[in-house]
């Protein structure tokens, strides 16, 4: 199988997971940290998995520039959640 075919299948799976699972949960987390709540251990594990997935899929996204903006924006969202979660933790 060609690399582009492998990439297409991987991109489809990543996008489905992003849209159906990761982004909805990340939005709920953003709402929580915007409300001043700290991140729970399960939230931190979720964000850690997202970071590890981002590292693992970096080459895939680089080879498919049409998807870079989507993954960059989602990574920015995760970063914002972490930043606000840390700030909330310091306040408590």
C-alpha atoms as a PDB file:
ATOM      1  CA  UNK A   1       0.000   0.000   0.000  1.00  0.00           C
ATOM      2  CA  UNK A   2       1.289   3.469  -0.902  1.00  0.00           C
ATOM      3  CA  UNK A   3       2.150   6.010   1.791  1.00  0.00           C
ATOM      4  CA  UNK A   4      -0.606   8.350   0.570  1.00  0.00           C
ATOM      5  CA  UNK A   5      -3.202   5.569   0.942  1.00  0.00           C
ATOM      6  CA  UNK A   6      -1.954   4.789   4.441  1.00  0.00           C
ATOM      7  CA  UNK A   7      -2.027   8.496   5.258  1.00  0.00           C
ATOM      8  CA  UNK A   8      -5.587   8.849   3.972  1.00  0.00           C
ATOM      9  CA  UNK A   9      -6.837   6.068   6.209  1.00  0.00           C
ATOM     10  CA  UNK A  10      -4.956   7.438   9.198  1.00  0.00           C
ATOM     11  CA  UNK A  11      -6.193  10.992   8.598  1.00  0.00           C
ATOM     12  CA  UNK A  12      -9.791   9.777   8.358  1.00  0.00           C
ATOM     13  CA  UNK A  13      -9.462   7.880  11.648  1.00  0.00           C
ATOM     14  CA  UNK A  14      -7.798  10.847  13.367  1.00  0.00           C
ATOM     15  CA  UNK A  15     -10.428  13.288  12.130  1.00  0.00           C
ATOM     16  CA  UNK A  16     -13.277  11.045  13.248  1.00  0.00           C
ATOM     17  CA  UNK A  17     -11.760  10.700  16.712  1.00  0.00           C
ATOM     18  CA  UNK A  18     -11.072  14.423  16.848  1.00  0.00           C
ATOM     19  CA  UNK A  19     -14.628  15.396  15.891  1.00  0.00           C
ATOM     20  CA  UNK A  20     -16.514  12.691  17.788  1.00  0.00           C
ATOM     21  CA  UNK A  21     -14.457  12.320  20.964  1.00  0.00           C
ATOM     22  CA  UNK A  22     -11.539  14.659  21.544  1.00  0.00           C
ATOM     23  CA  UNK A  23     -12.964  18.064  20.628  1.00  0.00           C
ATOM     24  CA  UNK A  24     -16.252  17.627  22.508  1.00  0.00           C
ATOM     25  CA  UNK A  25     -14.365  16.567  25.636  1.00  0.00           C
ATOM     26  CA  UNK A  26     -11.826  19.361  25.204  1.00  0.00           C
ATOM     27  CA  UNK A  27     -14.644  21.913  24.893  1.00  0.00           C
ATOM     28  CA  UNK A  28     -16.184  20.623  28.116  1.00  0.00           C
ATOM     29  CA  UNK A  29     -12.792  20.935  29.802  1.00  0.00           C
ATOM     30  CA  UNK A  30     -12.408  24.474  28.496  1.00  0.00           C
ATOM     31  CA  UNK A  31     -15.799  25.346  29.978  1.00  0.00           C
ATOM     32  CA  UNK A  32     -14.678  23.899  33.325  1.00  0.00           C
ATOM     33  CA  UNK A  33     -11.385  25.776  33.464  1.00  0.00           C
ATOM     34  CA  UNK A  34     -13.081  28.973  32.251  1.00  0.00           C
ATOM     35  CA  UNK A  35     -15.417  28.557  35.240  1.00  0.00           C
ATOM     36  CA  UNK A  36     -12.379  28.518  37.527  1.00  0.00           C
ATOM     37  CA  UNK A  37     -12.260  24.779  38.191  1.00  0.00           C
ATOM     38  CA  UNK A  38      -9.051  22.794  38.394  1.00  0.00           C
ATOM     39  CA  UNK A  39      -8.268  19.878  36.111  1.00  0.00           C
ATOM     40  CA  UNK A  40      -8.896  16.414  37.528  1.00  0.00           C
ATOM     41  CA  UNK A  41      -6.428  13.550  37.206  1.00  0.00           C
ATOM     42  CA  UNK A  42      -8.534  12.020  34.423  1.00  0.00           C
ATOM     43  CA  UNK A  43      -8.467  15.362  32.563  1.00  0.00           C
ATOM     44  CA  UNK A  44      -4.688  15.502  32.839  1.00  0.00           C
ATOM     45  CA  UNK A  45      -4.395  11.936  31.522  1.00  0.00           C
ATOM     46  CA  UNK A  46      -6.649  12.855  28.594  1.00  0.00           C
ATOM     47  CA  UNK A  47      -4.525  15.905  27.762  1.00  0.00           C
ATOM     48  CA  UNK A  48      -1.348  13.841  28.110  1.00  0.00           C
ATOM     49  CA  UNK A  49      -2.723  11.320  25.601  1.00  0.00           C
ATOM     50  CA  UNK A  50      -3.576  14.118  23.187  1.00  0.00           C
ATOM     51  CA  UNK A  51      -0.049  15.488  23.439  1.00  0.00           C
ATOM     52  CA  UNK A  52       1.476  12.045  22.880  1.00  0.00           C
ATOM     53  CA  UNK A  53      -0.847  11.476  19.912  1.00  0.00           C
ATOM     54  CA  UNK A  54       0.210  14.832  18.479  1.00  0.00           C
ATOM     55  CA  UNK A  55       3.869  13.858  18.693  1.00  0.00           C
ATOM     56  CA  UNK A  56       3.214  10.439  17.187  1.00  0.00           C
ATOM     57  CA  UNK A  57       1.245  11.901  14.261  1.00  0.00           C
ATOM     58  CA  UNK A  58       3.484  14.884  13.558  1.00  0.00           C
ATOM     59  CA  UNK A  59       4.948  13.336  10.408  1.00  0.00           C
ATOM     60  CA  UNK A  60       1.523  12.380   9.109  1.00  0.00           C
ATOM     61  CA  UNK A  61       0.253  15.934   9.485  1.00  0.00           C
ATOM     62  CA  UNK A  62       3.406  17.377   7.911  1.00  0.00           C
ATOM     63  CA  UNK A  63       2.907  15.136   4.868  1.00  0.00           C
ATOM     64  CA  UNK A  64      -0.716  16.294   4.599  1.00  0.00           C
ATOM     65  CA  UNK A  65      -0.661  20.098   4.831  1.00  0.00           C
ATOM     66  CA  UNK A  66      -4.388  20.431   4.153  1.00  0.00           C
ATOM     67  CA  UNK A  67      -4.980  19.147   7.696  1.00  0.00           C
ATOM     68  CA  UNK A  68      -2.282  21.141   9.471  1.00  0.00           C
ATOM     69  CA  UNK A  69      -4.589  24.030  10.399  1.00  0.00           C
ATOM     70  CA  UNK A  70      -7.114  21.680  12.012  1.00  0.00           C
ATOM     71  CA  UNK A  71      -4.509  19.930  14.105  1.00  0.00           C
ATOM     72  CA  UNK A  72      -2.718  23.171  14.958  1.00  0.00           C
ATOM     73  CA  UNK A  73      -5.947  24.753  16.191  1.00  0.00           C
ATOM     74  CA  UNK A  74      -6.840  21.699  18.258  1.00  0.00           C
ATOM     75  CA  UNK A  75      -3.354  21.699  19.810  1.00  0.00           C
ATOM     76  CA  UNK A  76      -3.807  25.399  20.638  1.00  0.00           C
ATOM     77  CA  UNK A  77      -7.094  24.530  22.343  1.00  0.00           C
ATOM     78  CA  UNK A  78      -5.402  21.855  24.455  1.00  0.00           C
ATOM     79  CA  UNK A  79      -2.635  24.311  25.352  1.00  0.00           C
ATOM     80  CA  UNK A  80      -5.215  26.890  26.436  1.00  0.00           C
ATOM     81  CA  UNK A  81      -6.933  24.322  28.644  1.00  0.00           C
ATOM     82  CA  UNK A  82      -3.636  23.391  30.293  1.00  0.00           C
ATOM     83  CA  UNK A  83      -2.654  27.039  30.807  1.00  0.00           C
ATOM     84  CA  UNK A  84      -5.986  27.942  32.390  1.00  0.00           C
ATOM     85  CA  UNK A  85      -6.074  24.748  34.421  1.00  0.00           C
ATOM     86  CA  UNK A  86      -2.647  25.539  35.884  1.00  0.00           C
ATOM     87  CA  UNK A  87      -3.728  29.088  36.673  1.00  0.00           C
ATOM     88  CA  UNK A  88      -6.821  27.762  38.439  1.00  0.00           C
ATOM     89  CA  UNK A  89      -4.699  25.303  40.390  1.00  0.00           C
ATOM     90  CA  UNK A  90      -2.492  28.138  41.645  1.00  0.00           C
ATOM     91  CA  UNK A  91      -5.565  30.056  42.829  1.00  0.00           C
ATOM     92  CA  UNK A  92      -6.911  27.151  44.902  1.00  0.00           C
END
